[in-house]
Amino acid sequence: MKRSPALIQFSREHHPALVLAKRIQHAAEHERAALMPTPAFLAELESHFAAEEIQFAPALAALPVLAARFAGEHARLRALMHRLQQGELAALAEFGETLAAHVRFEERELFMVLQEQARRAGEQSGSH
């Protein structure tokens, strides 16, 4: 399914996050320190989360299971980001795994549901 214009920018922002997550996951233990996300990357990721939360809030109100997973994963990633900002290298592997899983969830599950919801809303508004 072609990505909805409302979701394209979020998908584009997912790419560098997924690349970093995959690099972290595949790096040897001694190589991971060099992959520690920069403060700028973490700030961009926080902005991305905030923008998603604002934009998706109306649609997620009708999707409690997806909303809970979405919010829970953002909370978990924020906690890991805080640990990374404190220099806790031990959090890096979990951050990489959690970030990759979260991007896959959004791209493969959440965005598909949001697109379908928007399509149905468009059909309903067009039938009046």
C-alpha atoms as a PDB file:
ATOM      1  CA  MET A   1       0.000   0.000   0.000  1.00  0.00           C
ATOM      2  CA  LYS A   2       1.344   3.412  -0.937  1.00  0.00           C
ATOM      3  CA  ARG A   3       2.176   5.535   2.114  1.00  0.00           C
ATOM      4  CA  SER A   4      -0.335   8.249   2.987  1.00  0.00           C
ATOM      5  CA  PRO A   5       1.043  11.781   2.464  1.00  0.00           C
ATOM      6  CA  ALA A   6       0.387  12.478   6.160  1.00  0.00           C
ATOM      7  CA  LEU A   7       2.797   9.667   7.098  1.00  0.00           C
ATOM      8  CA  ILE A   8       5.551  10.114   4.508  1.00  0.00           C
ATOM      9  CA  GLN A   9       7.705  12.441   6.620  1.00  0.00           C
ATOM     10  CA  PHE A  10       7.462  10.115   9.621  1.00  0.00           C
ATOM     11  CA  SER A  11       8.556   7.206   7.420  1.00  0.00           C
ATOM     12  CA  ARG A  12      11.499   9.226   6.119  1.00  0.00           C
ATOM     13  CA  GLU A  13      12.540  10.030   9.683  1.00  0.00           C
ATOM     14  CA  HIS A  14      12.378   6.339  10.565  1.00  0.00           C
ATOM     15  CA  HIS A  15      15.114   5.442   8.089  1.00  0.00           C
ATOM     16  CA  PRO A  16      18.151   6.906   9.922  1.00  0.00           C
ATOM     17  CA  ALA A  17      16.819   5.551  13.215  1.00  0.00           C
ATOM     18  CA  LEU A  18      16.511   2.087  11.746  1.00  0.00           C
ATOM     19  CA  VAL A  19      19.989   2.283  10.202  1.00  0.00           C
ATOM     20  CA  LEU A  20      21.507   3.206  13.580  1.00  0.00           C
ATOM     21  CA  ALA A  21      19.509   0.503  15.356  1.00  0.00           C
ATOM     22  CA  LYS A  22      20.699  -2.149  12.921  1.00  0.00           C
ATOM     23  CA  ARG A  23      24.320  -0.987  13.205  1.00  0.00           C
ATOM     24  CA  ILE A  24      24.091  -1.209  17.004  1.00  0.00           C
ATOM     25  CA  GLN A  25      22.540  -4.674  16.840  1.00  0.00           C
ATOM     26  CA  HIS A  26      25.227  -6.028  14.533  1.00  0.00           C
ATOM     27  CA  ALA A  27      28.222  -4.355  16.167  1.00  0.00           C
ATOM     28  CA  ALA A  28      30.544  -6.339  18.357  1.00  0.00           C
ATOM     29  CA  GLU A  29      30.489  -5.424  22.043  1.00  0.00           C
ATOM     30  CA  HIS A  30      33.767  -3.467  21.836  1.00  0.00           C
ATOM     31  CA  GLU A  31      32.523  -1.504  18.790  1.00  0.00           C
ATOM     32  CA  ARG A  32      29.276  -0.283  20.351  1.00  0.00           C
ATOM     33  CA  ALA A  33      30.738   2.721  22.175  1.00  0.00           C
ATOM     34  CA  ALA A  34      31.482   4.337  18.815  1.00  0.00           C
ATOM     35  CA  LEU A  35      27.800   3.959  17.903  1.00  0.00           C
ATOM     36  CA  MET A  36      26.489   5.858  20.930  1.00  0.00           C
ATOM     37  CA  PRO A  37      23.796   8.217  19.571  1.00  0.00           C
ATOM     38  CA  THR A  38      24.748  11.877  19.603  1.00  0.00           C
ATOM     39  CA  PRO A  39      22.775  14.356  21.704  1.00  0.00           C
ATOM     40  CA  ALA A  40      21.512  15.873  18.434  1.00  0.00           C
ATOM     41  CA  PHE A  41      20.195  12.499  17.242  1.00  0.00           C
ATOM     42  CA  LEU A  42      18.444  11.891  20.557  1.00  0.00           C
ATOM     43  CA  ALA A  43      16.903  15.380  20.435  1.00  0.00           C
ATOM     44  CA  GLU A  44      15.648  14.721  16.891  1.00  0.00           C
ATOM     45  CA  LEU A  45      14.193  11.407  18.002  1.00  0.00           C
ATOM     46  CA  GLU A  46      12.398  13.113  20.895  1.00  0.00           C
ATOM     47  CA  SER A  47      10.967  15.706  18.479  1.00  0.00           C
ATOM     48  CA  HIS A  48       9.855  12.886  16.191  1.00  0.00           C
ATOM     49  CA  PHE A  49       8.069  11.139  19.081  1.00  0.00           C
ATOM     50  CA  ALA A  50       6.351  14.368  20.148  1.00  0.00           C
ATOM     51  CA  ALA A  51       5.175  15.112  16.598  1.00  0.00           C
ATOM     52  CA  GLU A  52       3.812  11.587  16.186  1.00  0.00           C
ATOM     53  CA  GLU A  53       2.011  11.772  19.510  1.00  0.00           C
ATOM     54  CA  ILE A  54       0.327  15.038  18.553  1.00  0.00           C
ATOM     55  CA  GLN A  55      -0.594  14.009  15.018  1.00  0.00           C
ATOM     56  CA  PHE A  56      -1.752  10.485  15.835  1.00  0.00           C
ATOM     57  CA  ALA A  57      -3.646  11.267  19.076  1.00  0.00           C
ATOM     58  CA  PRO A  58      -7.071  11.725  17.450  1.00  0.00           C
ATOM     59  CA  ALA A  59      -6.841   8.464  15.488  1.00  0.00           C
ATOM     60  CA  LEU A  60      -5.339   6.504  18.381  1.00  0.00           C
ATOM     61  CA  ALA A  61      -8.252   7.460  20.641  1.00  0.00           C
ATOM     62  CA  ALA A  62     -10.318   4.891  18.724  1.00  0.00           C
ATOM     63  CA  LEU A  63      -7.548   2.260  18.818  1.00  0.00           C
ATOM     64  CA  PRO A  64      -6.835   1.527  22.506  1.00  0.00           C
ATOM     65  CA  VAL A  65      -4.639  -1.544  21.986  1.00  0.00           C
ATOM     66  CA  LEU A  66      -2.422   0.139  19.392  1.00  0.00           C
ATOM     67  CA  ALA A  67      -2.447   3.363  21.417  1.00  0.00           C
ATOM     68  CA  ALA A  68      -1.195   1.541  24.513  1.00  0.00           C
ATOM     69  CA  ARG A  69       1.594  -0.172  22.584  1.00  0.00           C
ATOM     70  CA  PHE A  70       2.573   3.075  20.833  1.00  0.00           C
ATOM     71  CA  ALA A  71       2.697   5.016  24.121  1.00  0.00           C
ATOM     72  CA  GLY A  72       4.466   2.207  25.953  1.00  0.00           C
ATOM     73  CA  GLU A  73       7.174   1.897  23.330  1.00  0.00           C
ATOM     74  CA  HIS A  74       7.751   5.650  23.272  1.00  0.00           C
ATOM     75  CA  ALA A  75       8.022   5.630  27.079  1.00  0.00           C
ATOM     76  CA  ARG A  76      10.489   2.707  26.988  1.00  0.00           C
ATOM     77  CA  LEU A  77      12.603   4.393  24.321  1.00  0.00           C
ATOM     78  CA  ARG A  78      12.612   7.663  26.273  1.00  0.00           C
ATOM     79  CA  ALA A  79      13.837   5.808  29.368  1.00  0.00           C
ATOM     80  CA  LEU A  80      16.610   4.194  27.324  1.00  0.00           C
ATOM     81  CA  MET A  81      17.496   7.546  25.757  1.00  0.00           C
ATOM     82  CA  HIS A  82      17.835   9.018  29.245  1.00  0.00           C
ATOM     83  CA  ARG A  83      20.183   6.192  30.228  1.00  0.00           C
ATOM     84  CA  LEU A  84      22.244   6.813  27.082  1.00  0.00           C
ATOM     85  CA  GLN A  85      22.408  10.541  27.862  1.00  0.00           C
ATOM     86  CA  GLN A  86      23.853   9.562  31.242  1.00  0.00           C
ATOM     87  CA  GLY A  87      26.586   7.658  29.400  1.00  0.00           C
ATOM     88  CA  GLU A  88      25.239   4.203  30.229  1.00  0.00           C
ATOM     89  CA  LEU A  89      26.737   2.102  27.456  1.00  0.00           C
ATOM     90  CA  ALA A  90      24.955  -0.997  28.769  1.00  0.00           C
ATOM     91  CA  ALA A  91      21.646   0.483  27.541  1.00  0.00           C
ATOM     92  CA  LEU A  92      22.867   0.734  23.946  1.00  0.00           C
ATOM     93  CA  ALA A  93      22.081  -2.822  22.807  1.00  0.00           C
ATOM     94  CA  GLU A  94      18.583  -2.689  24.286  1.00  0.00           C
ATOM     95  CA  PHE A  95      18.054   0.737  22.715  1.00  0.00           C
ATOM     96  CA  GLY A  96      19.023  -0.620  19.290  1.00  0.00           C
ATOM     97  CA  GLU A  97      16.721  -3.628  19.596  1.00  0.00           C
ATOM     98  CA  THR A  98      13.814  -1.591  20.971  1.00  0.00           C
ATOM     99  CA  LEU A  99      14.180   1.154  18.372  1.00  0.00           C
ATOM    100  CA  ALA A 100      14.281  -1.323  15.474  1.00  0.00           C
ATOM    101  CA  ALA A 101      11.223  -3.165  16.792  1.00  0.00           C
ATOM    102  CA  HIS A 102       9.367   0.115  17.288  1.00  0.00           C
ATOM    103  CA  VAL A 103      10.070   1.350  13.760  1.00  0.00           C
ATOM    104  CA  ARG A 104       8.891  -1.998  12.371  1.00  0.00           C
ATOM    105  CA  PHE A 105       5.707  -1.769  14.489  1.00  0.00           C
ATOM    106  CA  GLU A 106       4.927   1.711  13.228  1.00  0.00           C
ATOM    107  CA  GLU A 107       5.715   0.997   9.580  1.00  0.00           C
ATOM    108  CA  ARG A 108       4.134  -2.460   9.328  1.00  0.00           C
ATOM    109  CA  GLU A 109       1.216  -2.215  11.740  1.00  0.00           C
ATOM    110  CA  LEU A 110       0.336   1.226  13.057  1.00  0.00           C
ATOM    111  CA  PHE A 111       0.700   3.177   9.814  1.00  0.00           C
ATOM    112  CA  MET A 112      -1.314   0.578   7.912  1.00  0.00           C
ATOM    113  CA  VAL A 113      -4.190   0.918  10.386  1.00  0.00           C
ATOM    114  CA  LEU A 114      -3.971   4.720  10.379  1.00  0.00           C
ATOM    115  CA  GLN A 115      -4.019   4.789   6.574  1.00  0.00           C
ATOM    116  CA  GLU A 116      -7.044   2.506   6.452  1.00  0.00           C
ATOM    117  CA  GLN A 117      -8.796   4.623   9.074  1.00  0.00           C
ATOM    118  CA  ALA A 118      -8.094   7.788   7.048  1.00  0.00           C
ATOM    119  CA  ARG A 119      -9.281   6.102   3.841  1.00  0.00           C
ATOM    120  CA  ARG A 120     -12.586   5.102   5.449  1.00  0.00           C
ATOM    121  CA  ALA A 121     -13.053   8.578   6.905  1.00  0.00           C
ATOM    122  CA  GLY A 122     -12.463  10.045   3.446  1.00  0.00           C
ATOM    123  CA  GLU A 123     -15.019   7.701   1.912  1.00  0.00           C
ATOM    124  CA  GLN A 124     -17.581   8.594   4.575  1.00  0.00           C
ATOM    125  CA  SER A 125     -17.056  12.326   4.153  1.00  0.00           C
ATOM    126  CA  GLY A 126     -17.309  11.941   0.382  1.00  0.00           C
ATOM    127  CA  SER A 127     -20.631  10.124   0.638  1.00  0.00           C
ATOM    128  CA  HIS A 128     -22.432  12.990   2.414  1.00  0.00           C
END
